[in-house]
């Protein structure tokens, strides 16, 4: 069972939030192009930001049902976390769901649109961790 306490690991101190996909360091997935790795990093940041709002120790957990995305869109909380055109960065709307399991795993099924192309992204990681390891696929290409 995952540690259900609220810890500082959930909150990443950033000097400033990135504004565009280009502002993010690319994810190290070896089989993806540099542009794909940046989109993956932005999609992951979007999903992780939404999941972090469901910190197991949060006193607002059962109360808050909807919140805005950092730069637009809507995050809805229920049995799953639903992302509707959520923008962690201005130039990448993300849609889909994030599911949190009792053992602390997060699983996301997402689409992210950039340059007129919609990418299908499936990823799993340990939520509420400072060093999450991401596994899954980006347009059916393995990212682990």
Protein backbone atom coordinates (compact mmCIF):
# COMPACT_ATOMS: atom_id res chain seq x y z
CA UNK A 1 0.00 0.00 0.00
CA UNK A 2 1.30 3.45 -0.89
CA UNK A 3 2.14 5.97 1.80
CA UNK A 4 -1.08 7.99 2.11
CA UNK A 5 0.52 10.96 3.86
CA UNK A 6 0.85 14.37 2.25
CA UNK A 7 4.51 15.06 1.58
CA UNK A 8 6.51 17.77 -0.09
CA UNK A 9 7.35 15.33 -2.90
CA UNK A 10 4.05 16.24 -4.55
CA UNK A 11 4.98 19.86 -4.96
CA UNK A 12 7.70 20.73 -7.41
CA UNK A 13 9.17 24.16 -6.82
CA UNK A 14 9.64 25.82 -10.18
CA UNK A 15 11.04 29.29 -10.73
CA UNK A 16 8.45 29.69 -13.45
CA UNK A 17 6.08 27.28 -15.16
CA UNK A 18 6.96 26.53 -18.80
CA UNK A 19 4.82 28.39 -21.31
CA UNK A 20 5.33 26.28 -24.44
CA UNK A 21 6.32 22.74 -25.40
CA UNK A 22 9.72 24.12 -26.45
CA UNK A 23 10.33 25.33 -22.87
CA UNK A 24 10.33 21.75 -21.54
CA UNK A 25 13.30 19.42 -21.52
CA UNK A 26 12.58 16.44 -23.79
CA UNK A 27 11.73 13.14 -22.13
CA UNK A 28 14.66 10.69 -22.55
CA UNK A 29 12.62 8.11 -24.56
CA UNK A 30 15.22 6.78 -27.00
CA UNK A 31 12.89 5.67 -29.82
CA UNK A 32 11.19 9.05 -30.24
CA UNK A 33 12.30 12.11 -32.17
CA UNK A 34 13.26 15.23 -30.24
CA UNK A 35 9.91 16.86 -31.10
CA UNK A 36 7.99 13.76 -29.94
CA UNK A 37 10.00 13.67 -26.71
CA UNK A 38 9.05 17.29 -25.96
CA UNK A 39 5.35 16.58 -26.63
CA UNK A 40 5.61 13.55 -24.35
CA UNK A 41 7.22 15.68 -21.62
CA UNK A 42 4.42 18.26 -21.90
CA UNK A 43 1.66 15.63 -21.88
CA UNK A 44 3.24 13.97 -18.84
CA UNK A 45 3.57 17.32 -17.04
CA UNK A 46 -0.13 17.96 -17.74
CA UNK A 47 -1.22 14.56 -16.41
CA UNK A 48 1.12 14.68 -13.39
CA UNK A 49 -0.11 18.18 -12.49
CA UNK A 50 -3.72 16.96 -12.54
CA UNK A 51 -2.87 13.86 -10.49
CA UNK A 52 -0.90 15.88 -7.93
CA UNK A 53 -4.10 17.74 -7.10
CA UNK A 54 -5.40 14.44 -5.72
CA UNK A 55 -2.67 14.16 -3.11
CA UNK A 56 -3.94 11.41 -0.79
CA UNK A 57 -3.51 13.64 2.25
CA UNK A 58 -5.34 16.62 0.74
CA UNK A 59 -8.20 17.90 2.89
CA UNK A 60 -10.05 19.15 -0.22
CA UNK A 61 -9.94 15.74 -1.93
CA UNK A 62 -13.66 14.90 -1.66
CA UNK A 63 -14.87 18.51 -1.99
CA UNK A 64 -13.34 19.90 -5.21
CA UNK A 65 -14.84 18.33 -8.34
CA UNK A 66 -13.60 20.67 -11.11
CA UNK A 67 -10.57 22.89 -11.51
CA UNK A 68 -9.06 24.81 -14.41
CA UNK A 69 -5.90 23.62 -16.14
CA UNK A 70 -2.82 25.79 -15.58
CA UNK A 71 -3.18 27.56 -18.96
CA UNK A 72 -6.71 26.51 -19.89
CA UNK A 73 -9.12 23.63 -20.11
CA UNK A 74 -10.91 21.78 -17.34
CA UNK A 75 -9.87 19.02 -14.93
CA UNK A 76 -12.81 17.05 -13.48
CA UNK A 77 -12.38 14.74 -10.50
CA UNK A 78 -14.47 11.62 -9.93
CA UNK A 79 -13.60 7.93 -10.09
CA UNK A 80 -11.05 9.03 -12.70
CA UNK A 81 -9.44 12.39 -13.38
CA UNK A 82 -10.81 13.69 -16.70
CA UNK A 83 -8.83 16.20 -18.75
CA UNK A 84 -10.76 18.34 -21.24
CA UNK A 85 -8.48 20.48 -23.42
CA UNK A 86 -6.18 20.97 -20.42
CA UNK A 87 -3.15 23.09 -21.16
CA UNK A 88 -0.15 22.89 -18.87
CA UNK A 89 1.62 24.77 -21.67
CA UNK A 90 -0.16 27.15 -24.10
CA UNK A 91 0.48 25.17 -27.26
CA UNK A 92 -0.57 21.63 -26.26
CA UNK A 93 -4.19 20.79 -25.39
CA UNK A 94 -4.46 17.41 -23.67
CA UNK A 95 -7.59 15.26 -23.36
CA UNK A 96 -8.18 11.93 -21.67
CA UNK A 97 -8.16 10.32 -18.27
CA UNK A 98 -5.80 9.62 -15.39
CA UNK A 99 -6.56 6.81 -12.96
CA UNK A 100 -4.91 6.54 -9.54
CA UNK A 101 -4.67 3.09 -7.98
CA UNK A 102 -4.52 2.38 -4.23
CA UNK A 103 -0.87 1.32 -4.57
CA UNK A 104 0.15 4.77 -5.86
CA UNK A 105 0.30 4.06 -9.59
CA UNK A 106 -1.08 6.57 -12.08
CA UNK A 107 -2.27 5.41 -15.50
CA UNK A 108 -3.12 7.91 -18.23
CA UNK A 109 -4.82 7.45 -21.58
CA UNK A 110 -4.41 10.74 -23.42
CA UNK A 111 -4.53 12.54 -26.72
CA UNK A 112 -2.40 15.61 -27.33
CA UNK A 113 -2.71 17.83 -30.38
CA UNK A 114 0.20 19.67 -31.92
CA UNK A 115 0.82 20.93 -35.43
CA UNK A 116 -2.54 19.60 -36.63
CA UNK A 117 -1.67 16.06 -35.54
CA UNK A 118 -3.25 14.19 -32.65
CA UNK A 119 -0.94 11.92 -30.69
CA UNK A 120 -2.17 8.91 -28.70
CA UNK A 121 -0.29 8.58 -25.44
CA UNK A 122 -0.56 5.82 -22.85
CA UNK A 123 1.60 6.07 -19.76
CA UNK A 124 2.01 4.72 -16.26
CA UNK A 125 4.14 6.08 -13.42
CA UNK A 126 4.37 6.18 -9.63
CA UNK A 127 2.27 9.15 -8.60
CA UNK A 128 3.34 11.56 -5.87
CA UNK A 129 7.02 10.80 -6.44
CA UNK A 130 9.94 13.15 -7.05
CA UNK A 131 11.53 10.69 -9.49
CA UNK A 132 8.73 8.96 -11.42
CA UNK A 133 9.69 6.37 -14.03
CA UNK A 134 7.43 6.62 -17.04
CA UNK A 135 6.41 3.59 -19.12
CA UNK A 136 3.91 3.28 -21.95
CA UNK A 137 3.56 4.27 -25.60
CA UNK A 138 3.56 7.40 -27.75
CA UNK A 139 1.67 6.75 -31.01
CA UNK A 140 2.28 3.01 -30.37
CA UNK A 141 6.06 3.56 -29.96
CA UNK A 142 7.38 2.32 -26.59
CA UNK A 143 8.59 5.13 -24.33
CA UNK A 144 10.38 3.07 -21.69
